[in-house]
Amino acid sequence: MKDMKYLFAYSGPLLMYLGLKWGGWWSYAFIIEAFFLLPFLELILPINTANTPEEEEETRSNLFIFDLLLYIHLPIVLGMTWMYFSTISQAGLATYELAGMTIGMGIFLGTFGINIAHELGHRNTWYELLMARLLLLPNLYLHFTNEHNLGHHKNVATPKDPSTARYGEMIYTFLPRSIFGVYKEAWELEKRRLKRLGLSSFHWKNEMIWFQLIQIAYLILVGFYFGWTIMIFAIIIGIGGIIMLESVNYIEHYGLLRNQLASGRYEPVQPHHSWNSGHSMGRIFLFELTRHSDHHYKASRKYQILRHFKESPQLPTGYPGSILMALIPPLWFSVIHKKIETK
């Protein structure tokens, strides 16, 4: 019964649905939950650092219910994206309603699209990888899984990783650097893969080319079916989802670096190379993404058995609250730099 807690995560899709259906100030319901209610609850609720007993890990890892909780997000995300396009294509929406729905949808795609795709993208079955791609499509970020698995996990907490925020770097300068850096790295990774196969970068097996074509086809389909103005909004909410993801990346590795060895290589990734948050609401809402240290320590571990490490640096609050703090650089630096200096 204790695992019923993950059902709370579905309050997000429910509020997004009600916002699209009822309009008015309900258009902001999901935004309010994500960046007002959750940060407040995480300030007053106790931090949970309990781990699954080691002897129960294998059984818990193989329980289908935990996979099902992820799989359900595919029809939810795609259905909600369709509903958003259908709703805003109708006349009569006030500007404030359109703004609320659009901002909320961007946050929604980042939270329940990219985040779930991140978890499924680490799996080995073809259907889970396909679900990850489909969840990334509305975000126009199909290259994410390739770069994240082969680039970010290899180079995290080093200057080579565009997704690792540097000490003293503001979130506003990090976002464009990371977004374009990840895109460039995804192309480089694919070029190297094809070169190992003895193929040209322009070969039809180049996945990056296919990703661009699929995303363009998706936007054309949206424009053709809902109207070309709506295609612009498809781009906007996709960018919103990307900004949500990269804002999370900013706080997950801010200012943390691995030591470079005499050989020029970097020390292996350890739990202290990622910021963690044991705040219960964020753990539930993001399907344990906040136990990020263990994810990087062993990427194959499923979300339901990720562990808390005492040596991992701890964020001052949960992910939503930390993102809000990061939006005010002097406040973020004053709090997080003290933690870096004392860790």
C-alpha atoms as a PDB file:
ATOM      1  CA  MET A   1       0.000   0.000   0.000  1.00  0.00           C
ATOM      2  CA  LYS A   2       2.910   2.364   0.664  1.00  0.00           C
ATOM      3  CA  ASP A   3       3.619   2.427  -3.077  1.00  0.00           C
ATOM      4  CA  MET A   4       0.180   3.903  -3.730  1.00  0.00           C
ATOM      5  CA  LYS A   5       1.971   7.185  -3.057  1.00  0.00           C
ATOM      6  CA  TYR A   6       3.062   7.307  -6.707  1.00  0.00           C
ATOM      7  CA  LEU A   7      -0.583   7.795  -7.712  1.00  0.00           C
ATOM      8  CA  PHE A   8      -0.239  11.349  -6.399  1.00  0.00           C
ATOM      9  CA  ALA A   9       1.880  12.080  -9.467  1.00  0.00           C
ATOM     10  CA  TYR A  10      -1.257  11.745 -11.560  1.00  0.00           C
ATOM     11  CA  SER A  11      -2.702  14.833  -9.900  1.00  0.00           C
ATOM     12  CA  GLY A  12      -0.523  16.741 -12.375  1.00  0.00           C
ATOM     13  CA  PRO A  13      -2.176  15.314 -15.508  1.00  0.00           C
ATOM     14  CA  LEU A  14      -5.579  15.687 -13.822  1.00  0.00           C
ATOM     15  CA  LEU A  15      -5.062  19.392 -13.143  1.00  0.00           C
ATOM     16  CA  MET A  16      -3.674  19.923 -16.659  1.00  0.00           C
ATOM     17  CA  TYR A  17      -6.783  18.235 -18.052  1.00  0.00           C
ATOM     18  CA  LEU A  18      -9.122  20.368 -15.920  1.00  0.00           C
ATOM     19  CA  GLY A  19      -7.256  23.493 -16.969  1.00  0.00           C
ATOM     20  CA  LEU A  20      -7.765  22.671 -20.642  1.00  0.00           C
ATOM     21  CA  LYS A  21     -11.393  21.621 -20.136  1.00  0.00           C
ATOM     22  CA  TRP A  22     -12.666  24.356 -17.848  1.00  0.00           C
ATOM     23  CA  GLY A  23     -10.387  27.230 -18.845  1.00  0.00           C
ATOM     24  CA  GLY A  24     -10.544  30.429 -16.845  1.00  0.00           C
ATOM     25  CA  TRP A  25      -8.171  30.536 -13.899  1.00  0.00           C
ATOM     26  CA  TRP A  26      -8.161  26.733 -13.963  1.00  0.00           C
ATOM     27  CA  SER A  27      -5.721  27.187 -16.844  1.00  0.00           C
ATOM     28  CA  TYR A  28      -3.090  27.871 -14.166  1.00  0.00           C
ATOM     29  CA  ALA A  29      -3.991  24.961 -11.856  1.00  0.00           C
ATOM     30  CA  PHE A  30      -1.088  22.722 -12.866  1.00  0.00           C
ATOM     31  CA  ILE A  31       1.408  25.610 -12.710  1.00  0.00           C
ATOM     32  CA  ILE A  32       0.215  26.442  -9.202  1.00  0.00           C
ATOM     33  CA  GLU A  33       0.602  22.831  -8.106  1.00  0.00           C
ATOM     34  CA  ALA A  34       4.071  22.454  -9.636  1.00  0.00           C
ATOM     35  CA  PHE A  35       5.665  25.696  -8.462  1.00  0.00           C
ATOM     36  CA  PHE A  36       3.614  26.828  -5.479  1.00  0.00           C
ATOM     37  CA  LEU A  37       1.918  23.873  -3.775  1.00  0.00           C
ATOM     38  CA  LEU A  38       4.777  21.383  -4.139  1.00  0.00           C
ATOM     39  CA  PRO A  39       7.519  23.761  -2.897  1.00  0.00           C
ATOM     40  CA  PHE A  40       5.297  24.670   0.080  1.00  0.00           C
ATOM     41  CA  LEU A  41       4.637  21.025   0.980  1.00  0.00           C
ATOM     42  CA  GLU A  42       8.323  20.202   0.653  1.00  0.00           C
ATOM     43  CA  LEU A  43       9.138  22.919   3.192  1.00  0.00           C
ATOM     44  CA  ILE A  44       6.819  21.494   5.844  1.00  0.00           C
ATOM     45  CA  LEU A  45       6.921  17.724   5.219  1.00  0.00           C
ATOM     46  CA  PRO A  46       9.773  15.573   6.570  1.00  0.00           C
ATOM     47  CA  ILE A  47      12.600  14.365   4.341  1.00  0.00           C
ATOM     48  CA  ASN A  48      12.544  10.640   3.598  1.00  0.00           C
ATOM     49  CA  THR A  49      15.932   8.921   3.337  1.00  0.00           C
ATOM     50  CA  ALA A  50      14.755   5.307   3.733  1.00  0.00           C
ATOM     51  CA  ASN A  51      16.082   2.768   1.203  1.00  0.00           C
ATOM     52  CA  THR A  52      14.600  -0.486  -0.027  1.00  0.00           C
ATOM     53  CA  PRO A  53      16.218  -3.358   1.894  1.00  0.00           C
ATOM     54  CA  GLU A  54      18.900  -4.959  -0.270  1.00  0.00           C
ATOM     55  CA  GLU A  55      17.252  -8.387  -0.108  1.00  0.00           C
ATOM     56  CA  GLU A  56      14.021  -6.932  -1.545  1.00  0.00           C
ATOM     57  CA  GLU A  57      15.581  -4.992  -4.424  1.00  0.00           C
ATOM     58  CA  GLU A  58      15.380  -7.704  -7.097  1.00  0.00           C
ATOM     59  CA  THR A  59      11.744  -8.542  -6.335  1.00  0.00           C
ATOM     60  CA  ARG A  60      10.755  -4.892  -6.239  1.00  0.00           C
ATOM     61  CA  SER A  61      12.658  -4.165  -9.444  1.00  0.00           C
ATOM     62  CA  ASN A  62      10.682  -6.830 -11.309  1.00  0.00           C
ATOM     63  CA  LEU A  63       7.193  -5.812 -10.170  1.00  0.00           C
ATOM     64  CA  PHE A  64       5.211  -4.885 -13.294  1.00  0.00           C
ATOM     65  CA  ILE A  65       3.086  -2.308 -11.484  1.00  0.00           C
ATOM     66  CA  PHE A  66       6.059   0.080 -11.353  1.00  0.00           C
ATOM     67  CA  ASP A  67       6.563  -0.231 -15.108  1.00  0.00           C
ATOM     68  CA  LEU A  68       2.839   0.236 -15.720  1.00  0.00           C
ATOM     69  CA  LEU A  69       2.901   3.504 -13.791  1.00  0.00           C
ATOM     70  CA  LEU A  70       5.361   4.754 -16.421  1.00  0.00           C
ATOM     71  CA  TYR A  71       3.717   3.217 -19.492  1.00  0.00           C
ATOM     72  CA  ILE A  72       0.401   4.921 -18.717  1.00  0.00           C
ATOM     73  CA  HIS A  73       2.073   8.265 -19.314  1.00  0.00           C
ATOM     74  CA  LEU A  74       2.389   7.615 -23.051  1.00  0.00           C
ATOM     75  CA  PRO A  75      -1.358   7.896 -23.816  1.00  0.00           C
ATOM     76  CA  ILE A  76      -1.676  10.615 -21.170  1.00  0.00           C
ATOM     77  CA  VAL A  77       1.044  12.831 -22.671  1.00  0.00           C
ATOM     78  CA  LEU A  78       0.016  12.294 -26.291  1.00  0.00           C
ATOM     79  CA  GLY A  79      -3.682  12.674 -25.426  1.00  0.00           C
ATOM     80  CA  MET A  80      -3.075  15.848 -23.443  1.00  0.00           C
ATOM     81  CA  THR A  81      -1.001  17.304 -26.276  1.00  0.00           C
ATOM     82  CA  TRP A  82      -3.861  16.597 -28.706  1.00  0.00           C
ATOM     83  CA  MET A  83      -6.368  18.132 -26.283  1.00  0.00           C
ATOM     84  CA  TYR A  84      -4.187  21.250 -25.930  1.00  0.00           C
ATOM     85  CA  PHE A  85      -4.042  21.750 -29.707  1.00  0.00           C
ATOM     86  CA  SER A  86      -7.781  21.141 -30.034  1.00  0.00           C
ATOM     87  CA  THR A  87      -8.596  23.576 -27.217  1.00  0.00           C
ATOM     88  CA  ILE A  88      -6.453  26.502 -28.338  1.00  0.00           C
ATOM     89  CA  SER A  89      -7.540  26.096 -31.976  1.00  0.00           C
ATOM     90  CA  GLN A  90     -11.071  27.081 -30.964  1.00  0.00           C
ATOM     91  CA  ALA A  91     -12.085  30.721 -30.897  1.00  0.00           C
ATOM     92  CA  GLY A  92     -13.004  32.490 -27.692  1.00  0.00           C
ATOM     93  CA  LEU A  93     -10.023  31.913 -25.421  1.00  0.00           C
ATOM     94  CA  ALA A  94      -8.874  34.942 -23.459  1.00  0.00           C
ATOM     95  CA  THR A  95      -5.191  35.849 -23.648  1.00  0.00           C
ATOM     96  CA  TYR A  96      -4.628  34.921 -19.997  1.00  0.00           C
ATOM     97  CA  GLU A  97      -6.207  31.491 -20.612  1.00  0.00           C
ATOM     98  CA  LEU A  98      -4.018  30.846 -23.642  1.00  0.00           C
ATOM     99  CA  ALA A  99      -0.940  31.895 -21.670  1.00  0.00           C
ATOM    100  CA  GLY A 100      -1.797  29.637 -18.731  1.00  0.00           C
ATOM    101  CA  MET A 101      -2.511  26.636 -20.924  1.00  0.00           C
ATOM    102  CA  THR A 102       0.658  27.130 -22.963  1.00  0.00           C
ATOM    103  CA  ILE A 103       3.016  27.653 -20.022  1.00  0.00           C
ATOM    104  CA  GLY A 104       1.377  24.778 -18.182  1.00  0.00           C
ATOM    105  CA  MET A 105       1.658  22.492 -21.192  1.00  0.00           C
ATOM    106  CA  GLY A 106       5.359  23.240 -21.555  1.00  0.00           C
ATOM    107  CA  ILE A 107       5.970  22.380 -17.900  1.00  0.00           C
ATOM    108  CA  PHE A 108       3.765  19.305 -18.296  1.00  0.00           C
ATOM    109  CA  LEU A 109       5.731  18.003 -21.295  1.00  0.00           C
ATOM    110  CA  GLY A 110       9.000  18.443 -19.459  1.00  0.00           C
ATOM    111  CA  THR A 111       7.722  16.815 -16.277  1.00  0.00           C
ATOM    112  CA  PHE A 112       5.703  13.913 -17.639  1.00  0.00           C
ATOM    113  CA  GLY A 113       7.121  13.657 -21.152  1.00  0.00           C
ATOM    114  CA  ILE A 114      10.882  14.023 -20.918  1.00  0.00           C
ATOM    115  CA  ASN A 115      11.169  12.783 -17.335  1.00  0.00           C
ATOM    116  CA  ILE A 116       9.352   9.506 -18.051  1.00  0.00           C
ATOM    117  CA  ALA A 117      11.231   9.202 -21.367  1.00  0.00           C
ATOM    118  CA  HIS A 118      14.443   9.589 -19.382  1.00  0.00           C
ATOM    119  CA  GLU A 119      13.588   6.578 -17.228  1.00  0.00           C
ATOM    120  CA  LEU A 120      12.382   4.435 -20.143  1.00  0.00           C
ATOM    121  CA  GLY A 121      15.324   5.495 -22.289  1.00  0.00           C
ATOM    122  CA  HIS A 122      17.640   3.605 -19.945  1.00  0.00           C
ATOM    123  CA  ARG A 123      15.754   0.346 -20.489  1.00  0.00           C
ATOM    124  CA  ASN A 124      16.832  -2.359 -22.939  1.00  0.00           C
ATOM    125  CA  THR A 125      13.561  -3.467 -24.526  1.00  0.00           C
ATOM    126  CA  TRP A 126      12.607  -2.125 -27.956  1.00  0.00           C
ATOM    127  CA  TYR A 127       9.089  -1.161 -26.865  1.00  0.00           C
ATOM    128  CA  GLU A 128      10.284   0.891 -23.882  1.00  0.00           C
ATOM    129  CA  LEU A 129      12.796   2.707 -26.068  1.00  0.00           C
ATOM    130  CA  LEU A 130      10.000   3.350 -28.578  1.00  0.00           C
ATOM    131  CA  MET A 131       7.797   4.757 -25.816  1.00  0.00           C
ATOM    132  CA  ALA A 132      10.669   7.011 -24.765  1.00  0.00           C
ATOM    133  CA  ARG A 133      10.949   8.362 -28.328  1.00  0.00           C
ATOM    134  CA  LEU A 134       7.205   8.982 -28.559  1.00  0.00           C
ATOM    135  CA  LEU A 135       7.234  10.839 -25.248  1.00  0.00           C
ATOM    136  CA  LEU A 136      10.090  13.022 -26.499  1.00  0.00           C
ATOM    137  CA  LEU A 137       8.389  13.864 -29.802  1.00  0.00           C
ATOM    138  CA  PRO A 138       6.084  16.665 -28.535  1.00  0.00           C
ATOM    139  CA  ASN A 139       9.179  18.193 -26.916  1.00  0.00           C
ATOM    140  CA  LEU A 140      11.024  18.146 -30.268  1.00  0.00           C
ATOM    141  CA  TYR A 141      13.895  16.505 -28.363  1.00  0.00           C
ATOM    142  CA  LEU A 142      14.243  13.081 -29.960  1.00  0.00           C
ATOM    143  CA  HIS A 143      18.033  13.214 -29.684  1.00  0.00           C
ATOM    144  CA  PHE A 144      17.867  13.404 -25.888  1.00  0.00           C
ATOM    145  CA  THR A 145      18.147   9.657 -25.188  1.00  0.00           C
ATOM    146  CA  ASN A 146      21.209   9.242 -27.424  1.00  0.00           C
ATOM    147  CA  GLU A 147      23.131  12.154 -25.937  1.00  0.00           C
ATOM    148  CA  HIS A 148      21.998  11.544 -22.376  1.00  0.00           C
ATOM    149  CA  ASN A 149      22.989   7.868 -22.290  1.00  0.00           C
ATOM    150  CA  LEU A 150      26.215   8.090 -24.295  1.00  0.00           C
ATOM    151  CA  GLY A 151      27.324  11.646 -23.591  1.00  0.00           C
ATOM    152  CA  HIS A 152      25.949  12.986 -20.310  1.00  0.00           C
ATOM    153  CA  HIS A 153      26.469   9.801 -18.297  1.00  0.00           C
ATOM    154  CA  LYS A 154      30.035   9.535 -19.550  1.00  0.00           C
ATOM    155  CA  ASN A 155      31.036  13.183 -19.115  1.00  0.00           C
ATOM    156  CA  VAL A 156      28.858  14.322 -16.193  1.00  0.00           C
ATOM    157  CA  ALA A 157      30.591  16.592 -13.689  1.00  0.00           C
ATOM    158  CA  THR A 158      33.361  17.461 -16.148  1.00  0.00           C
ATOM    159  CA  PRO A 159      33.902  20.488 -18.434  1.00  0.00           C
ATOM    160  CA  LYS A 160      33.079  18.197 -21.373  1.00  0.00           C
ATOM    161  CA  ASP A 161      29.434  17.880 -20.348  1.00  0.00           C
ATOM    162  CA  PRO A 162      27.142  20.686 -21.565  1.00  0.00           C
ATOM    163  CA  SER A 163      24.481  19.572 -19.054  1.00  0.00           C
ATOM    164  CA  THR A 164      26.709  20.194 -16.022  1.00  0.00           C
ATOM    165  CA  ALA A 165      26.330  23.758 -14.740  1.00  0.00           C
ATOM    166  CA  ARG A 166      29.605  25.447 -13.860  1.00  0.00           C
ATOM    167  CA  TYR A 167      30.294  27.064 -10.504  1.00  0.00           C
ATOM    168  CA  GLY A 168      29.046  30.651 -10.659  1.00  0.00           C
ATOM    169  CA  GLU A 169      27.087  30.106 -13.891  1.00  0.00           C
ATOM    170  CA  MET A 170      23.604  31.612 -13.936  1.00  0.00           C
ATOM    171  CA  ILE A 171      20.697  29.493 -15.117  1.00  0.00           C
ATOM    172  CA  TYR A 172      20.016  32.074 -17.837  1.00  0.00           C
ATOM    173  CA  THR A 173      23.392  31.512 -19.478  1.00  0.00           C
ATOM    174  CA  PHE A 174      23.368  27.777 -18.736  1.00  0.00           C
ATOM    175  CA  LEU A 175      20.119  27.090 -20.601  1.00  0.00           C
ATOM    176  CA  PRO A 176      21.243  28.122 -24.108  1.00  0.00           C
ATOM    177  CA  ARG A 177      24.708  26.645 -23.569  1.00  0.00           C
ATOM    178  CA  SER A 178      23.257  23.300 -22.499  1.00  0.00           C
ATOM    179  CA  ILE A 179      20.483  23.100 -25.093  1.00  0.00           C
ATOM    180  CA  PHE A 180      22.743  23.848 -28.052  1.00  0.00           C
ATOM    181  CA  GLY A 181      25.632  21.903 -26.535  1.00  0.00           C
ATOM    182  CA  VAL A 182      23.508  18.772 -26.134  1.00  0.00           C
ATOM    183  CA  TYR A 183      22.252  19.089 -29.712  1.00  0.00           C
ATOM    184  CA  LYS A 184      25.786  19.486 -31.062  1.00  0.00           C
ATOM    185  CA  GLU A 185      27.065  16.573 -28.978  1.00  0.00           C
ATOM    186  CA  ALA A 186      24.221  14.354 -30.242  1.00  0.00           C
ATOM    187  CA  TRP A 187      25.356  14.995 -33.830  1.00  0.00           C
ATOM    188  CA  GLU A 188      28.986  14.280 -32.914  1.00  0.00           C
ATOM    189  CA  LEU A 189      28.070  11.020 -31.194  1.00  0.00           C
ATOM    190  CA  GLU A 190      26.107   9.888 -34.233  1.00  0.00           C
ATOM    191  CA  LYS A 191      28.936  10.823 -36.604  1.00  0.00           C
ATOM    192  CA  ARG A 192      31.373   8.766 -34.546  1.00  0.00           C
ATOM    193  CA  ARG A 193      28.962   5.821 -34.455  1.00  0.00           C
ATOM    194  CA  LEU A 194      28.608   5.851 -38.228  1.00  0.00           C
ATOM    195  CA  LYS A 195      32.354   6.242 -38.707  1.00  0.00           C
ATOM    196  CA  ARG A 196      32.942   3.080 -36.658  1.00  0.00           C
ATOM    197  CA  LEU A 197      30.581   1.325 -39.058  1.00  0.00           C
ATOM    198  CA  GLY A 198      32.475   2.701 -42.025  1.00  0.00           C
ATOM    199  CA  LEU A 199      29.531   4.876 -43.074  1.00  0.00           C
ATOM    200  CA  SER A 200      29.237   8.503 -44.107  1.00  0.00           C
ATOM    201  CA  SER A 201      27.640  11.063 -41.801  1.00  0.00           C
ATOM    202  CA  PHE A 202      24.992  11.547 -44.498  1.00  0.00           C
ATOM    203  CA  HIS A 203      24.105   7.862 -44.657  1.00  0.00           C
ATOM    204  CA  TRP A 204      20.418   6.990 -44.377  1.00  0.00           C
ATOM    205  CA  LYS A 205      21.190   5.203 -41.088  1.00  0.00           C
ATOM    206  CA  ASN A 206      22.049   8.536 -39.445  1.00  0.00           C
ATOM    207  CA  GLU A 207      19.492   8.695 -36.607  1.00  0.00           C
ATOM    208  CA  MET A 208      19.910  12.435 -36.153  1.00  0.00           C
ATOM    209  CA  ILE A 209      18.715  13.065 -39.690  1.00  0.00           C
ATOM    210  CA  TRP A 210      15.702  10.843 -39.059  1.00  0.00           C
ATOM    211  CA  PHE A 211      14.957  12.682 -35.814  1.00  0.00           C
ATOM    212  CA  GLN A 212      14.815  16.014 -37.630  1.00  0.00           C
ATOM    213  CA  LEU A 213      12.572  14.616 -40.386  1.00  0.00           C
ATOM    214  CA  ILE A 214      10.193  13.014 -37.876  1.00  0.00           C
ATOM    215  CA  GLN A 215       9.924  16.228 -35.865  1.00  0.00           C
ATOM    216  CA  ILE A 216       9.293  18.289 -38.999  1.00  0.00           C
ATOM    217  CA  ALA A 217       6.627  15.773 -40.081  1.00  0.00           C
ATOM    218  CA  TYR A 218       5.010  16.068 -36.631  1.00  0.00           C
ATOM    219  CA  LEU A 219       4.869  19.871 -36.874  1.00  0.00           C
ATOM    220  CA  ILE A 220       3.464  19.747 -40.411  1.00  0.00           C
ATOM    221  CA  LEU A 221       0.811  17.274 -39.263  1.00  0.00           C
ATOM    222  CA  VAL A 222      -0.167  19.594 -36.405  1.00  0.00           C
ATOM    223  CA  GLY A 223      -0.314  22.570 -38.775  1.00  0.00           C
ATOM    224  CA  PHE A 224      -2.296  20.676 -41.383  1.00  0.00           C
ATOM    225  CA  TYR A 225      -4.865  19.322 -38.917  1.00  0.00           C
ATOM    226  CA  PHE A 226      -5.225  22.171 -36.408  1.00  0.00           C
ATOM    227  CA  GLY A 227      -4.009  25.179 -38.405  1.00  0.00           C
ATOM    228  CA  TRP A 228      -0.600  26.657 -39.124  1.00  0.00           C
ATOM    229  CA  THR A 229      -0.808  29.074 -36.206  1.00  0.00           C
ATOM    230  CA  ILE A 230      -1.168  26.099 -33.883  1.00  0.00           C
ATOM    231  CA  MET A 231       2.072  24.709 -35.312  1.00  0.00           C
ATOM    232  CA  ILE A 232       3.826  27.723 -33.771  1.00  0.00           C
ATOM    233  CA  PHE A 233       2.340  26.804 -30.405  1.00  0.00           C
ATOM    234  CA  ALA A 234       3.579  23.234 -30.885  1.00  0.00           C
ATOM    235  CA  ILE A 235       7.086  24.676 -31.132  1.00  0.00           C
ATOM    236  CA  ILE A 236       6.520  26.900 -28.086  1.00  0.00           C
ATOM    237  CA  ILE A 237       5.358  24.092 -25.785  1.00  0.00           C
ATOM    238  CA  GLY A 238       8.199  21.899 -27.052  1.00  0.00           C
ATOM    239  CA  ILE A 239      10.693  24.596 -26.094  1.00  0.00           C
ATOM    240  CA  GLY A 240       8.904  24.908 -22.748  1.00  0.00           C
ATOM    241  CA  GLY A 241       9.451  21.209 -22.085  1.00  0.00           C
ATOM    242  CA  ILE A 242      13.127  21.510 -22.995  1.00  0.00           C
ATOM    243  CA  ILE A 243      13.597  24.498 -20.676  1.00  0.00           C
ATOM    244  CA  MET A 244      11.953  22.494 -17.887  1.00  0.00           C
ATOM    245  CA  LEU A 245      14.365  19.609 -18.452  1.00  0.00           C
ATOM    246  CA  GLU A 246      17.460  21.789 -18.639  1.00  0.00           C
ATOM    247  CA  SER A 247      16.410  23.710 -15.529  1.00  0.00           C
ATOM    248  CA  VAL A 248      16.425  20.377 -13.710  1.00  0.00           C
ATOM    249  CA  ASN A 249      19.837  19.594 -15.207  1.00  0.00           C
ATOM    250  CA  TYR A 250      21.083  22.925 -13.864  1.00  0.00           C
ATOM    251  CA  ILE A 251      20.299  22.095 -10.242  1.00  0.00           C
ATOM    252  CA  GLU A 252      21.252  18.394 -10.470  1.00  0.00           C
ATOM    253  CA  HIS A 253      24.974  18.913 -11.072  1.00  0.00           C
ATOM    254  CA  TYR A 254      25.583  22.594 -10.353  1.00  0.00           C
ATOM    255  CA  GLY A 255      29.214  23.313  -9.450  1.00  0.00           C
ATOM    256  CA  LEU A 256      30.203  19.656  -8.964  1.00  0.00           C
ATOM    257  CA  LEU A 257      33.328  18.351 -10.701  1.00  0.00           C
ATOM    258  CA  ARG A 258      35.122  15.012 -10.857  1.00  0.00           C
ATOM    259  CA  ASN A 259      38.868  15.022 -10.289  1.00  0.00           C
ATOM    260  CA  GLN A 260      41.052  14.657 -13.373  1.00  0.00           C
ATOM    261  CA  LEU A 261      43.648  11.905 -12.981  1.00  0.00           C
ATOM    262  CA  ALA A 262      47.287  12.014 -14.094  1.00  0.00           C
ATOM    263  CA  SER A 263      46.325   9.943 -17.147  1.00  0.00           C
ATOM    264  CA  GLY A 264      44.008  12.737 -18.290  1.00  0.00           C
ATOM    265  CA  ARG A 265      40.909  10.650 -17.590  1.00  0.00           C
ATOM    266  CA  TYR A 266      38.421  11.574 -14.902  1.00  0.00           C
ATOM    267  CA  GLU A 267      37.725   9.629 -11.749  1.00  0.00           C
ATOM    268  CA  PRO A 268      34.676   7.311 -11.891  1.00  0.00           C
ATOM    269  CA  VAL A 269      31.297   8.886 -11.181  1.00  0.00           C
ATOM    270  CA  GLN A 270      30.511   8.732  -7.471  1.00  0.00           C
ATOM    271  CA  PRO A 271      27.372   9.571  -5.449  1.00  0.00           C
ATOM    272  CA  HIS A 272      28.821  12.956  -4.468  1.00  0.00           C
ATOM    273  CA  HIS A 273      28.854  14.123  -8.096  1.00  0.00           C
ATOM    274  CA  SER A 274      25.092  14.810  -8.188  1.00  0.00           C
ATOM    275  CA  TRP A 275      22.792  16.896  -6.019  1.00  0.00           C
ATOM    276  CA  ASN A 276      20.039  14.923  -4.333  1.00  0.00           C
ATOM    277  CA  SER A 277      16.758  15.804  -2.705  1.00  0.00           C
ATOM    278  CA  GLY A 278      14.994  13.558  -0.207  1.00  0.00           C
ATOM    279  CA  HIS A 279      11.881  15.727  -0.125  1.00  0.00           C
ATOM    280  CA  SER A 280       9.011  13.282  -0.392  1.00  0.00           C
ATOM    281  CA  MET A 281       6.645  15.156  -2.691  1.00  0.00           C
ATOM    282  CA  GLY A 282       9.262  15.752  -5.368  1.00  0.00           C
ATOM    283  CA  ARG A 283      10.391  12.125  -5.166  1.00  0.00           C
ATOM    284  CA  ILE A 284       6.840  10.951  -5.815  1.00  0.00           C
ATOM    285  CA  PHE A 285       5.947  13.554  -8.444  1.00  0.00           C
ATOM    286  CA  LEU A 286       9.122  12.919 -10.456  1.00  0.00           C
ATOM    287  CA  PHE A 287       9.307   9.154  -9.939  1.00  0.00           C
ATOM    288  CA  GLU A 288      12.471   9.308  -7.831  1.00  0.00           C
ATOM    289  CA  LEU A 289      14.433  11.484 -10.276  1.00  0.00           C
ATOM    290  CA  THR A 290      15.559  13.422  -7.210  1.00  0.00           C
ATOM    291  CA  ARG A 291      17.640  10.422  -6.084  1.00  0.00           C
ATOM    292  CA  HIS A 292      19.937  11.368  -8.899  1.00  0.00           C
ATOM    293  CA  SER A 293      23.212  10.249  -7.369  1.00  0.00           C
ATOM    294  CA  ASP A 294      22.295   6.576  -7.478  1.00  0.00           C
ATOM    295  CA  HIS A 295      20.980   6.966 -11.011  1.00  0.00           C
ATOM    296  CA  HIS A 296      24.390   8.169 -12.177  1.00  0.00           C
ATOM    297  CA  TYR A 297      26.196   5.657  -9.999  1.00  0.00           C
ATOM    298  CA  LYS A 298      24.288   2.809 -11.688  1.00  0.00           C
ATOM    299  CA  ALA A 299      22.041   3.973 -14.534  1.00  0.00           C
ATOM    300  CA  SER A 300      20.393   0.566 -14.977  1.00  0.00           C
ATOM    301  CA  ARG A 301      18.691   0.740 -11.549  1.00  0.00           C
ATOM    302  CA  LYS A 302      14.946   1.271 -11.898  1.00  0.00           C
ATOM    303  CA  TYR A 303      13.423   4.284 -10.207  1.00  0.00           C
ATOM    304  CA  GLN A 304      11.635   2.293  -7.477  1.00  0.00           C
ATOM    305  CA  ILE A 305      14.904   0.983  -5.974  1.00  0.00           C
ATOM    306  CA  LEU A 306      17.102   4.068  -6.249  1.00  0.00           C
ATOM    307  CA  ARG A 307      18.981   4.670  -3.010  1.00  0.00           C
ATOM    308  CA  HIS A 308      19.768   7.603  -0.767  1.00  0.00           C
ATOM    309  CA  PHE A 309      23.489   8.123  -0.073  1.00  0.00           C
ATOM    310  CA  LYS A 310      24.618  10.057   2.987  1.00  0.00           C
ATOM    311  CA  GLU A 311      27.659  11.352   1.092  1.00  0.00           C
ATOM    312  CA  SER A 312      25.547  12.887  -1.679  1.00  0.00           C
ATOM    313  CA  PRO A 313      25.202  16.674  -1.465  1.00  0.00           C
ATOM    314  CA  GLN A 314      21.626  17.612  -0.609  1.00  0.00           C
ATOM    315  CA  LEU A 315      19.672  20.430  -2.223  1.00  0.00           C
ATOM    316  CA  PRO A 316      18.248  23.020   0.177  1.00  0.00           C
ATOM    317  CA  THR A 317      14.727  22.148  -0.955  1.00  0.00           C
ATOM    318  CA  GLY A 318      13.038  19.977  -3.566  1.00  0.00           C
ATOM    319  CA  TYR A 319      13.444  20.363  -7.323  1.00  0.00           C
ATOM    320  CA  PRO A 320      10.602  22.894  -7.878  1.00  0.00           C
ATOM    321  CA  GLY A 321      11.781  25.073  -5.000  1.00  0.00           C
ATOM    322  CA  SER A 322      15.409  24.822  -6.121  1.00  0.00           C
ATOM    323  CA  ILE A 323      14.481  25.870  -9.659  1.00  0.00           C
ATOM    324  CA  LEU A 324      12.623  28.886  -8.275  1.00  0.00           C
ATOM    325  CA  MET A 325      15.701  29.797  -6.218  1.00  0.00           C
ATOM    326  CA  ALA A 326      17.933  29.393  -9.280  1.00  0.00           C
ATOM    327  CA  LEU A 327      15.815  31.959 -11.116  1.00  0.00           C
ATOM    328  CA  ILE A 328      17.164  34.503  -8.604  1.00  0.00           C
ATOM    329  CA  PRO A 329      20.943  33.970  -9.062  1.00  0.00           C
ATOM    330  CA  PRO A 330      22.154  35.938  -5.984  1.00  0.00           C
ATOM    331  CA  LEU A 331      19.808  33.902  -3.760  1.00  0.00           C
ATOM    332  CA  TRP A 332      20.807  30.603  -5.376  1.00  0.00           C
ATOM    333  CA  PHE A 333      24.534  31.329  -5.175  1.00  0.00           C
ATOM    334  CA  SER A 334      24.358  32.457  -1.536  1.00  0.00           C
ATOM    335  CA  VAL A 335      22.674  29.196  -0.500  1.00  0.00           C
ATOM    336  CA  ILE A 336      24.257  26.594  -2.794  1.00  0.00           C
ATOM    337  CA  HIS A 337      27.842  27.870  -2.592  1.00  0.00           C
ATOM    338  CA  LYS A 338      27.824  27.427   1.187  1.00  0.00           C
ATOM    339  CA  LYS A 339      26.795  23.812   0.679  1.00  0.00           C
ATOM    340  CA  ILE A 340      29.540  23.231  -1.898  1.00  0.00           C
ATOM    341  CA  GLU A 341      32.193  24.728   0.378  1.00  0.00           C
ATOM    342  CA  THR A 342      31.140  22.572   3.346  1.00  0.00           C
ATOM    343  CA  LYS A 343      30.498  19.266   1.578  1.00  0.00           C
END
